[in-house]
N, C-alpha and C. Protein backbone atom coordinates (compact mmCIF):
# COMPACT_ATOMS: atom_id res chain seq x y z
N MET A 1 66.10 121.46 113.43
CA MET A 1 67.35 120.80 113.84
C MET A 1 68.10 121.73 114.79
N ASN A 2 68.56 121.21 115.93
CA ASN A 2 69.25 122.08 116.87
C ASN A 2 70.72 122.29 116.47
N THR A 3 71.37 123.22 117.15
CA THR A 3 72.73 123.62 116.78
C THR A 3 73.73 122.47 116.88
N SER A 4 73.61 121.63 117.92
CA SER A 4 74.55 120.52 118.10
C SER A 4 74.45 119.52 116.97
N LYS A 5 73.25 119.28 116.47
CA LYS A 5 73.08 118.35 115.35
C LYS A 5 73.69 118.91 114.07
N ILE A 6 73.53 120.22 113.88
CA ILE A 6 74.12 120.85 112.69
C ILE A 6 75.64 120.75 112.72
N ILE A 7 76.24 121.01 113.88
CA ILE A 7 77.69 120.94 114.02
C ILE A 7 78.19 119.52 113.79
N LEU A 8 77.52 118.54 114.38
CA LEU A 8 77.92 117.15 114.20
C LEU A 8 77.80 116.74 112.74
N SER A 9 76.75 117.17 112.08
CA SER A 9 76.56 116.84 110.67
C SER A 9 77.68 117.44 109.83
N PHE A 10 78.07 118.68 110.14
CA PHE A 10 79.13 119.35 109.42
C PHE A 10 80.46 118.64 109.63
N LEU A 11 80.75 118.27 110.87
CA LEU A 11 82.00 117.56 111.18
C LEU A 11 82.07 116.22 110.47
N PHE A 12 80.96 115.49 110.46
CA PHE A 12 80.92 114.18 109.81
C PHE A 12 81.18 114.31 108.32
N SER A 13 80.51 115.28 107.68
CA SER A 13 80.69 115.45 106.24
C SER A 13 82.12 115.87 105.92
N GLY A 14 82.73 116.68 106.81
CA GLY A 14 84.12 117.08 106.61
C GLY A 14 85.06 115.91 106.71
N LEU A 15 84.87 115.04 107.69
CA LEU A 15 85.70 113.85 107.84
C LEU A 15 85.53 112.92 106.65
N PHE A 16 84.28 112.77 106.18
CA PHE A 16 84.02 111.92 105.02
C PHE A 16 84.76 112.44 103.79
N SER A 17 84.77 113.75 103.60
CA SER A 17 85.45 114.34 102.46
C SER A 17 86.95 114.09 102.52
N LEU A 18 87.52 114.18 103.72
CA LEU A 18 88.95 113.91 103.87
C LEU A 18 89.28 112.47 103.53
N THR A 19 88.37 111.57 103.86
CA THR A 19 88.59 110.15 103.58
C THR A 19 88.52 109.86 102.09
N VAL A 20 87.55 110.46 101.41
CA VAL A 20 87.32 110.17 100.00
C VAL A 20 88.40 110.79 99.12
N PHE A 21 88.79 112.05 99.43
CA PHE A 21 89.73 112.76 98.58
C PHE A 21 91.12 112.73 99.21
N ALA A 22 91.89 111.71 98.86
CA ALA A 22 93.23 111.57 99.42
C ALA A 22 94.14 112.66 98.86
N GLN A 23 95.03 113.10 99.67
CA GLN A 23 95.98 114.14 99.29
C GLN A 23 97.05 113.55 98.38
N THR A 24 97.66 114.39 97.53
CA THR A 24 98.71 113.96 96.62
C THR A 24 99.90 114.89 96.74
N THR A 25 101.10 114.31 96.66
CA THR A 25 102.32 115.11 96.62
C THR A 25 103.24 114.54 95.55
N THR A 26 103.95 115.43 94.86
CA THR A 26 104.80 115.02 93.73
C THR A 26 106.26 115.33 94.02
N PHE A 27 107.12 114.33 93.75
CA PHE A 27 108.57 114.51 93.90
C PHE A 27 109.05 115.32 92.70
N THR A 28 109.46 116.55 92.94
CA THR A 28 109.77 117.47 91.85
C THR A 28 111.27 117.69 91.64
N ALA A 29 112.10 117.19 92.54
CA ALA A 29 113.55 117.37 92.40
C ALA A 29 114.08 116.45 91.30
N SER A 30 115.08 116.91 90.57
CA SER A 30 115.66 116.06 89.52
C SER A 30 116.30 114.82 90.13
N SER A 31 116.86 114.97 91.33
CA SER A 31 117.35 113.82 92.12
C SER A 31 117.42 114.27 93.57
N GLY A 32 117.25 113.30 94.47
CA GLY A 32 117.31 113.64 95.89
C GLY A 32 116.66 112.60 96.76
N ASN A 33 116.58 112.90 98.06
CA ASN A 33 116.10 111.95 99.05
C ASN A 33 114.60 112.10 99.32
N TRP A 34 113.97 110.98 99.62
CA TRP A 34 112.54 110.91 99.91
C TRP A 34 112.16 111.80 101.09
N ASN A 35 112.98 111.82 102.14
CA ASN A 35 112.56 112.48 103.39
C ASN A 35 112.84 113.98 103.43
N ALA A 36 113.22 114.58 102.30
CA ALA A 36 113.48 116.02 102.26
C ALA A 36 112.22 116.76 101.81
N PRO A 37 111.57 117.54 102.68
CA PRO A 37 110.32 118.23 102.32
C PRO A 37 110.45 119.11 101.08
N ALA A 38 111.61 119.71 100.86
CA ALA A 38 111.80 120.61 99.72
C ALA A 38 111.73 119.88 98.38
N ASN A 39 111.88 118.56 98.40
CA ASN A 39 111.85 117.79 97.17
C ASN A 39 110.43 117.46 96.71
N TRP A 40 109.43 117.82 97.52
CA TRP A 40 108.04 117.46 97.24
C TRP A 40 107.17 118.70 97.06
N SER A 41 106.15 118.57 96.23
CA SER A 41 105.24 119.69 95.98
C SER A 41 104.33 119.97 97.17
N ASN A 42 104.06 118.96 97.97
CA ASN A 42 103.10 119.10 99.06
C ASN A 42 103.57 118.37 100.31
N GLY A 43 104.87 118.37 100.54
CA GLY A 43 105.42 117.74 101.73
C GLY A 43 105.71 116.26 101.54
N VAL A 44 106.51 115.71 102.44
CA VAL A 44 106.88 114.29 102.40
C VAL A 44 105.62 113.44 102.59
N PRO A 45 105.45 112.38 101.78
CA PRO A 45 104.23 111.56 101.88
C PRO A 45 104.09 110.88 103.24
N THR A 46 102.83 110.66 103.62
CA THR A 46 102.49 109.84 104.78
C THR A 46 101.61 108.70 104.29
N SER A 47 101.11 107.90 105.21
CA SER A 47 100.32 106.72 104.83
C SER A 47 99.00 107.08 104.16
N THR A 48 98.55 108.31 104.29
CA THR A 48 97.27 108.73 103.69
C THR A 48 97.46 109.60 102.45
N VAL A 49 98.69 109.74 102.00
CA VAL A 49 99.00 110.64 100.88
C VAL A 49 99.52 109.83 99.68
N ASN A 50 98.96 110.11 98.49
CA ASN A 50 99.43 109.48 97.26
C ASN A 50 100.72 110.16 96.80
N ALA A 51 101.72 109.35 96.48
CA ALA A 51 103.03 109.89 96.07
C ALA A 51 103.24 109.68 94.58
N ILE A 52 103.76 110.71 93.92
CA ILE A 52 104.09 110.65 92.50
C ILE A 52 105.55 111.05 92.33
N ILE A 53 106.32 110.20 91.64
CA ILE A 53 107.69 110.58 91.28
C ILE A 53 107.59 111.24 89.90
N GLY A 54 107.90 112.53 89.84
CA GLY A 54 107.75 113.29 88.61
C GLY A 54 108.60 112.73 87.48
N ALA A 55 108.14 112.95 86.26
CA ALA A 55 108.78 112.42 85.07
C ALA A 55 110.26 112.82 84.98
N GLY A 56 111.11 111.81 84.82
CA GLY A 56 112.54 112.05 84.67
C GLY A 56 113.28 112.30 85.97
N ASN A 57 112.61 112.17 87.11
CA ASN A 57 113.25 112.42 88.40
C ASN A 57 113.73 111.14 89.05
N ILE A 58 114.72 111.27 89.92
CA ILE A 58 115.34 110.12 90.60
C ILE A 58 115.22 110.33 92.10
N CYS A 59 114.50 109.43 92.76
CA CYS A 59 114.23 109.54 94.20
C CYS A 59 114.87 108.38 94.95
N THR A 60 115.49 108.67 96.08
CA THR A 60 116.14 107.65 96.91
C THR A 60 115.47 107.58 98.27
N ILE A 61 115.04 106.36 98.65
CA ILE A 61 114.51 106.14 100.00
C ILE A 61 115.71 106.01 100.93
N ASN A 62 115.92 107.03 101.73
CA ASN A 62 117.10 107.08 102.59
C ASN A 62 116.73 107.01 104.06
N THR A 63 115.51 106.55 104.35
CA THR A 63 115.04 106.50 105.72
C THR A 63 114.26 105.22 105.96
N ASN A 64 114.20 104.77 107.21
CA ASN A 64 113.40 103.59 107.53
C ASN A 64 111.97 104.04 107.81
N GLY A 65 111.01 103.27 107.33
CA GLY A 65 109.63 103.58 107.62
C GLY A 65 108.99 104.59 106.69
N ALA A 66 109.54 104.81 105.50
CA ALA A 66 108.89 105.67 104.52
C ALA A 66 107.56 105.02 104.12
N GLU A 67 106.54 105.84 103.83
CA GLU A 67 105.23 105.29 103.52
C GLU A 67 104.44 106.25 102.63
N CYS A 68 103.42 105.69 101.97
CA CYS A 68 102.49 106.48 101.17
C CYS A 68 101.26 105.64 100.89
N ALA A 69 100.19 106.29 100.46
CA ALA A 69 98.94 105.57 100.17
C ALA A 69 99.02 104.81 98.86
N SER A 70 99.61 105.43 97.84
CA SER A 70 99.87 104.79 96.55
C SER A 70 101.12 105.44 95.97
N LEU A 71 101.70 104.79 94.96
CA LEU A 71 102.95 105.31 94.38
C LEU A 71 102.88 105.21 92.86
N THR A 72 103.16 106.32 92.19
CA THR A 72 103.19 106.36 90.73
C THR A 72 104.52 106.93 90.26
N LEU A 73 105.17 106.23 89.32
CA LEU A 73 106.36 106.77 88.65
C LEU A 73 105.92 107.21 87.26
N ASN A 74 106.01 108.50 86.97
CA ASN A 74 105.56 109.03 85.69
C ASN A 74 106.57 108.75 84.57
N GLY A 75 106.07 108.73 83.34
CA GLY A 75 106.91 108.49 82.18
C GLY A 75 107.24 109.78 81.47
N SER A 76 108.38 109.79 80.75
CA SER A 76 108.80 110.96 79.98
C SER A 76 109.90 110.51 79.02
N ASN A 77 110.53 111.49 78.37
CA ASN A 77 111.67 111.14 77.52
C ASN A 77 112.96 111.03 78.32
N GLY A 78 112.86 111.15 79.65
CA GLY A 78 113.99 110.88 80.53
C GLY A 78 113.80 109.55 81.23
N GLU A 79 114.52 109.34 82.31
CA GLU A 79 114.40 108.10 83.08
C GLU A 79 113.91 108.42 84.48
N THR A 80 112.80 107.82 84.87
CA THR A 80 112.23 108.02 86.20
C THR A 80 112.60 106.82 87.06
N GLN A 81 113.20 107.09 88.22
CA GLN A 81 113.72 105.98 89.02
C GLN A 81 113.45 106.20 90.51
N LEU A 82 113.24 105.08 91.20
CA LEU A 82 113.13 105.07 92.65
C LEU A 82 114.05 103.99 93.19
N THR A 83 114.87 104.33 94.17
CA THR A 83 115.75 103.35 94.82
C THR A 83 115.41 103.26 96.30
N VAL A 84 115.15 102.03 96.77
CA VAL A 84 115.00 101.77 98.20
C VAL A 84 116.35 101.29 98.69
N SER A 85 117.08 102.14 99.39
CA SER A 85 118.45 101.84 99.79
C SER A 85 118.53 100.68 100.77
N SER A 86 119.69 100.06 100.84
CA SER A 86 119.92 98.96 101.76
C SER A 86 119.66 99.40 103.20
N GLY A 87 118.92 98.57 103.95
CA GLY A 87 118.61 98.88 105.33
C GLY A 87 117.46 99.86 105.49
N ARG A 88 116.85 100.27 104.38
CA ARG A 88 115.74 101.22 104.41
C ARG A 88 114.46 100.54 103.92
N SER A 89 113.31 101.19 104.13
CA SER A 89 112.05 100.54 103.77
C SER A 89 111.02 101.54 103.28
N LEU A 90 110.13 101.06 102.41
CA LEU A 90 109.00 101.84 101.92
C LEU A 90 107.78 100.94 101.95
N SER A 91 106.71 101.42 102.59
CA SER A 91 105.44 100.70 102.65
C SER A 91 104.39 101.50 101.89
N VAL A 92 103.81 100.87 100.87
CA VAL A 92 102.78 101.50 100.05
C VAL A 92 101.46 100.80 100.37
N GLY A 93 100.50 101.55 100.91
CA GLY A 93 99.24 100.94 101.32
C GLY A 93 98.43 100.39 100.16
N GLY A 94 98.54 100.99 99.00
CA GLY A 94 97.78 100.56 97.83
C GLY A 94 98.67 100.11 96.70
N ALA A 95 98.40 100.65 95.50
CA ALA A 95 99.06 100.19 94.28
C ALA A 95 100.33 100.98 93.97
N ILE A 96 101.26 100.28 93.31
CA ILE A 96 102.42 100.92 92.68
C ILE A 96 102.22 100.81 91.18
N SER A 97 102.41 101.92 90.46
CA SER A 97 102.28 101.94 89.02
C SER A 97 103.49 102.63 88.41
N VAL A 98 104.15 101.95 87.46
CA VAL A 98 105.34 102.52 86.82
C VAL A 98 105.04 102.72 85.34
N ALA A 99 105.06 103.98 84.89
CA ALA A 99 104.81 104.31 83.50
C ALA A 99 106.05 104.01 82.65
N ALA A 100 105.85 103.96 81.34
CA ALA A 100 106.94 103.66 80.42
C ALA A 100 107.63 104.93 79.94
N PRO A 101 108.93 104.82 79.58
CA PRO A 101 109.60 105.97 78.95
C PRO A 101 108.94 106.27 77.60
N THR A 102 109.09 107.50 77.15
CA THR A 102 108.46 107.89 75.89
C THR A 102 109.47 108.10 74.76
N SER A 103 110.74 107.81 75.02
CA SER A 103 111.75 107.87 73.95
C SER A 103 112.69 106.68 74.09
N GLY A 104 113.52 106.47 73.06
CA GLY A 104 114.32 105.26 72.97
C GLY A 104 115.46 105.17 73.96
N ASN A 105 115.90 103.91 74.20
CA ASN A 105 117.05 103.61 75.05
C ASN A 105 116.94 104.22 76.44
N LYS A 106 115.74 104.11 77.01
CA LYS A 106 115.50 104.64 78.35
C LYS A 106 114.91 103.55 79.24
N LEU A 107 115.12 103.70 80.55
CA LEU A 107 114.65 102.72 81.53
C LEU A 107 113.98 103.44 82.69
N ASN A 108 112.72 103.11 82.97
CA ASN A 108 112.05 103.53 84.19
C ASN A 108 112.10 102.35 85.15
N SER A 109 112.48 102.59 86.40
CA SER A 109 112.73 101.43 87.27
C SER A 109 112.52 101.74 88.74
N ILE A 110 112.27 100.64 89.48
CA ILE A 110 112.34 100.65 90.94
C ILE A 110 113.44 99.68 91.33
N MET A 111 114.44 100.18 92.04
CA MET A 111 115.55 99.35 92.52
C MET A 111 115.37 99.12 94.01
N VAL A 112 115.38 97.84 94.42
CA VAL A 112 115.16 97.51 95.83
C VAL A 112 116.38 96.83 96.41
N GLU A 113 117.05 97.57 97.27
CA GLU A 113 118.17 97.01 98.04
C GLU A 113 117.72 96.74 99.48
N GLY A 114 116.68 97.45 99.92
CA GLY A 114 116.12 97.28 101.26
C GLY A 114 114.82 96.52 101.22
N GLU A 115 113.73 97.12 101.71
CA GLU A 115 112.43 96.44 101.75
C GLU A 115 111.35 97.32 101.13
N LEU A 116 110.53 96.71 100.29
CA LEU A 116 109.40 97.39 99.65
C LEU A 116 108.17 96.52 99.77
N SER A 117 107.04 97.10 100.19
CA SER A 117 105.78 96.35 100.25
C SER A 117 104.67 97.20 99.65
N ALA A 118 103.70 96.51 99.01
CA ALA A 118 102.56 97.20 98.39
C ALA A 118 101.45 96.19 98.15
N ALA A 119 100.26 96.73 97.82
CA ALA A 119 99.11 95.87 97.53
C ALA A 119 99.17 95.28 96.12
N SER A 120 99.76 96.02 95.18
CA SER A 120 99.89 95.54 93.81
C SER A 120 101.00 96.31 93.11
N LEU A 121 101.46 95.75 91.99
CA LEU A 121 102.50 96.39 91.19
C LEU A 121 102.16 96.24 89.72
N THR A 122 102.13 97.35 88.98
CA THR A 122 101.85 97.32 87.56
C THR A 122 102.96 98.03 86.80
N LEU A 123 103.55 97.33 85.81
CA LEU A 123 104.56 97.91 84.92
C LEU A 123 103.91 98.16 83.57
N ALA A 124 104.05 99.37 83.05
CA ALA A 124 103.37 99.74 81.81
C ALA A 124 104.09 99.19 80.59
N ASN A 125 103.32 98.96 79.54
CA ASN A 125 103.88 98.60 78.24
C ASN A 125 104.35 99.86 77.55
N SER A 126 105.47 99.74 76.84
CA SER A 126 105.97 100.89 76.07
C SER A 126 105.68 100.66 74.59
N SER A 127 106.07 101.62 73.79
CA SER A 127 105.80 101.51 72.35
C SER A 127 106.99 100.97 71.57
N ASN A 128 108.06 100.59 72.30
CA ASN A 128 109.27 100.14 71.61
C ASN A 128 110.07 99.24 72.54
N ASP A 129 110.79 98.24 71.97
CA ASP A 129 111.53 97.28 72.77
C ASP A 129 112.73 97.88 73.49
N ASN A 130 113.18 99.08 73.11
CA ASN A 130 114.30 99.69 73.84
C ASN A 130 113.82 100.72 74.87
N ARG A 131 112.52 100.67 75.20
CA ARG A 131 111.96 101.50 76.26
C ARG A 131 111.45 100.57 77.35
N ASP A 132 112.24 100.42 78.40
CA ASP A 132 112.02 99.35 79.37
C ASP A 132 111.45 99.87 80.69
N VAL A 133 110.72 98.97 81.35
CA VAL A 133 110.20 99.23 82.70
C VAL A 133 110.56 98.00 83.54
N ARG A 134 111.27 98.22 84.66
CA ARG A 134 111.76 97.08 85.44
C ARG A 134 111.59 97.28 86.94
N LEU A 135 111.40 96.15 87.60
CA LEU A 135 111.60 96.04 89.04
C LEU A 135 112.94 95.36 89.20
N ILE A 136 113.91 96.05 89.81
CA ILE A 136 115.26 95.51 89.96
C ILE A 136 115.49 95.21 91.44
N VAL A 137 115.83 93.97 91.73
CA VAL A 137 116.06 93.55 93.12
C VAL A 137 117.54 93.27 93.30
N SER A 138 118.14 93.97 94.23
CA SER A 138 119.58 93.83 94.47
C SER A 138 119.81 93.59 95.95
N GLY A 139 119.47 92.37 96.39
CA GLY A 139 119.64 91.99 97.78
C GLY A 139 118.47 92.33 98.68
N GLY A 140 117.44 92.97 98.13
CA GLY A 140 116.31 93.40 98.94
C GLY A 140 115.16 92.42 98.94
N VAL A 141 114.06 92.82 99.61
CA VAL A 141 112.85 92.00 99.69
C VAL A 141 111.66 92.84 99.24
N VAL A 142 110.92 92.31 98.28
CA VAL A 142 109.71 92.96 97.77
C VAL A 142 108.52 92.08 98.13
N THR A 143 107.53 92.65 98.80
CA THR A 143 106.33 91.91 99.18
C THR A 143 105.12 92.58 98.54
N ILE A 144 104.50 91.88 97.59
CA ILE A 144 103.29 92.37 96.93
C ILE A 144 102.16 91.43 97.33
N THR A 145 101.19 91.94 98.08
CA THR A 145 100.13 91.07 98.59
C THR A 145 99.12 90.69 97.52
N GLY A 146 99.03 91.48 96.47
CA GLY A 146 98.12 91.20 95.36
C GLY A 146 98.87 90.79 94.11
N ASN A 147 98.48 91.39 92.97
CA ASN A 147 99.01 90.99 91.67
C ASN A 147 100.23 91.80 91.24
N ILE A 148 101.12 91.14 90.51
CA ILE A 148 102.17 91.83 89.76
C ILE A 148 101.80 91.69 88.28
N THR A 149 101.52 92.82 87.65
CA THR A 149 101.08 92.82 86.25
C THR A 149 102.11 93.55 85.40
N MET A 150 102.74 92.79 84.50
CA MET A 150 103.67 93.38 83.54
C MET A 150 102.95 93.42 82.20
N ASN A 151 102.52 94.61 81.81
CA ASN A 151 101.68 94.74 80.61
C ASN A 151 102.46 94.62 79.31
N GLY A 152 103.77 94.69 79.38
CA GLY A 152 104.60 94.58 78.19
C GLY A 152 105.17 93.20 77.99
N SER A 153 105.86 93.02 76.87
CA SER A 153 106.51 91.75 76.54
C SER A 153 107.79 91.60 77.35
N ALA A 154 108.45 90.45 77.15
CA ALA A 154 109.72 90.19 77.83
C ALA A 154 110.79 91.21 77.45
N SER A 155 110.65 91.85 76.30
CA SER A 155 111.62 92.85 75.85
C SER A 155 111.36 94.22 76.45
N ARG A 156 110.22 94.37 77.17
CA ARG A 156 109.85 95.69 77.67
C ARG A 156 109.63 95.74 79.18
N ASN A 157 109.21 94.63 79.76
CA ASN A 157 108.97 94.57 81.21
C ASN A 157 109.76 93.42 81.81
N GLU A 158 110.33 93.66 83.02
CA GLU A 158 111.17 92.62 83.61
C GLU A 158 111.24 92.78 85.12
N ILE A 159 111.26 91.63 85.80
CA ILE A 159 111.71 91.57 87.19
C ILE A 159 113.14 91.07 87.11
N GLN A 160 114.08 91.89 87.52
CA GLN A 160 115.50 91.59 87.35
C GLN A 160 116.18 91.47 88.71
N PHE A 161 116.77 90.31 88.96
CA PHE A 161 117.57 90.12 90.17
C PHE A 161 119.03 90.37 89.81
N ASN A 162 119.62 91.42 90.39
CA ASN A 162 121.03 91.68 90.13
C ASN A 162 121.93 90.71 90.88
N THR A 163 121.52 90.38 92.10
CA THR A 163 122.27 89.42 92.93
C THR A 163 121.24 88.55 93.62
N THR A 164 121.28 88.54 94.93
CA THR A 164 120.26 87.83 95.71
C THR A 164 119.07 88.74 95.92
N GLY A 165 118.06 88.24 96.61
CA GLY A 165 116.87 89.02 96.90
C GLY A 165 115.64 88.16 96.77
N THR A 166 114.51 88.66 97.22
CA THR A 166 113.27 87.89 97.21
C THR A 166 112.11 88.78 96.77
N VAL A 167 111.27 88.23 95.90
CA VAL A 167 110.01 88.87 95.53
C VAL A 167 108.89 87.93 95.94
N LYS A 168 107.99 88.41 96.82
CA LYS A 168 106.87 87.61 97.29
C LYS A 168 105.59 88.10 96.62
N VAL A 169 104.85 87.16 96.02
CA VAL A 169 103.64 87.49 95.27
C VAL A 169 102.44 86.82 95.91
N GLY A 170 101.47 87.61 96.34
CA GLY A 170 100.28 87.04 96.95
C GLY A 170 99.17 86.75 95.95
N GLY A 171 99.23 87.39 94.77
CA GLY A 171 98.20 87.20 93.75
C GLY A 171 98.77 86.53 92.51
N THR A 172 98.42 87.07 91.34
CA THR A 172 98.91 86.51 90.08
C THR A 172 100.14 87.27 89.61
N LEU A 173 100.94 86.60 88.80
CA LEU A 173 102.10 87.20 88.15
C LEU A 173 101.92 87.00 86.67
N SER A 174 101.90 88.09 85.90
CA SER A 174 101.63 87.95 84.47
C SER A 174 102.47 88.90 83.65
N GLY A 175 102.74 88.47 82.39
CA GLY A 175 103.46 89.29 81.42
C GLY A 175 104.95 89.35 81.68
N GLY A 176 105.65 90.13 80.83
CA GLY A 176 107.07 90.39 81.02
C GLY A 176 107.93 89.15 81.12
N THR A 177 109.00 89.27 81.89
CA THR A 177 109.91 88.16 82.10
C THR A 177 110.61 88.33 83.45
N ILE A 178 111.31 87.26 83.87
CA ILE A 178 112.07 87.29 85.12
C ILE A 178 113.51 86.89 84.81
N THR A 179 114.45 87.70 85.24
CA THR A 179 115.87 87.34 85.16
C THR A 179 116.31 87.01 86.58
N ALA A 180 116.54 85.72 86.84
CA ALA A 180 116.60 85.24 88.22
C ALA A 180 117.91 85.48 88.94
N SER A 181 119.06 85.32 88.29
CA SER A 181 120.35 85.36 88.98
C SER A 181 120.28 84.44 90.21
N SER A 182 120.57 84.97 91.40
CA SER A 182 120.49 84.17 92.63
C SER A 182 119.24 84.49 93.44
N GLY A 183 118.30 85.21 92.83
CA GLY A 183 117.12 85.64 93.54
C GLY A 183 116.06 84.56 93.67
N THR A 184 115.03 84.86 94.47
CA THR A 184 113.96 83.90 94.74
C THR A 184 112.60 84.56 94.53
N MET A 185 111.72 83.85 93.81
CA MET A 185 110.32 84.25 93.71
C MET A 185 109.53 83.36 94.67
N GLU A 186 108.72 83.96 95.53
CA GLU A 186 107.88 83.21 96.45
C GLU A 186 106.41 83.50 96.14
N PHE A 187 105.63 82.44 95.96
CA PHE A 187 104.20 82.58 95.72
C PHE A 187 103.51 82.28 97.06
N THR A 188 102.92 83.32 97.65
CA THR A 188 102.58 83.27 99.07
C THR A 188 101.10 83.12 99.38
N SER A 189 100.26 82.96 98.35
CA SER A 189 98.83 82.87 98.62
C SER A 189 98.49 81.57 99.34
N GLY A 190 97.44 81.62 100.17
CA GLY A 190 96.96 80.41 100.83
C GLY A 190 96.21 79.51 99.87
N GLY A 191 95.82 80.05 98.69
CA GLY A 191 95.11 79.25 97.69
C GLY A 191 96.01 78.94 96.51
N ALA A 192 95.38 78.40 95.46
CA ALA A 192 96.12 78.01 94.25
C ALA A 192 96.65 79.25 93.52
N GLN A 193 97.85 79.15 93.00
CA GLN A 193 98.44 80.20 92.17
C GLN A 193 99.06 79.57 90.94
N THR A 194 99.01 80.30 89.83
CA THR A 194 99.64 79.83 88.60
C THR A 194 101.03 80.43 88.49
N ILE A 195 102.02 79.57 88.33
CA ILE A 195 103.41 80.04 88.17
C ILE A 195 103.71 80.08 86.68
N PRO A 196 104.02 81.28 86.14
CA PRO A 196 104.26 81.39 84.70
C PRO A 196 105.54 80.69 84.28
N ALA A 197 105.63 80.41 82.98
CA ALA A 197 106.79 79.68 82.45
C ALA A 197 108.08 80.43 82.66
N THR A 198 108.03 81.77 82.70
CA THR A 198 109.26 82.53 82.90
C THR A 198 109.86 82.28 84.27
């Protein structure tokens, strides 16, 4: 094998490794803004980086065009929260997963006042009815192209509209409950979808 073939082979395998092993960064500040590099273990997320909101931390999307490959909110005996501020946006290329609190009278949540989009959304079941996981919409727009899965009961998982707002679902919606207020649920698939009783 000549030298040029060896170099090309090495470059290809290196690019493949970068594709397979996505980078991860964790929001480590107790509270703060998404776009501040000091708040993250490995820099502000980009479209190819998996983002984790550390257990008990509170992160605010304070910029337009925030993005990440996937988003996880960790659970703890504190409250882990993410807020997408009004006029701001977060685009998640893959899944959003929100873990449950591990002690009583706690709430892990995503609050959307601006715009949030993702491929799927999963809310974890907790071990007690006073340990809640919610998607809270307060005038914002949430677009989920795939499934919204609430693994807990109506007492543990909820899509809550504080005022107006829209949640668009491209796949299935299951579990939990919906508190509608003046909000709107839109089922956006081109095919048949089942609308739950809630």
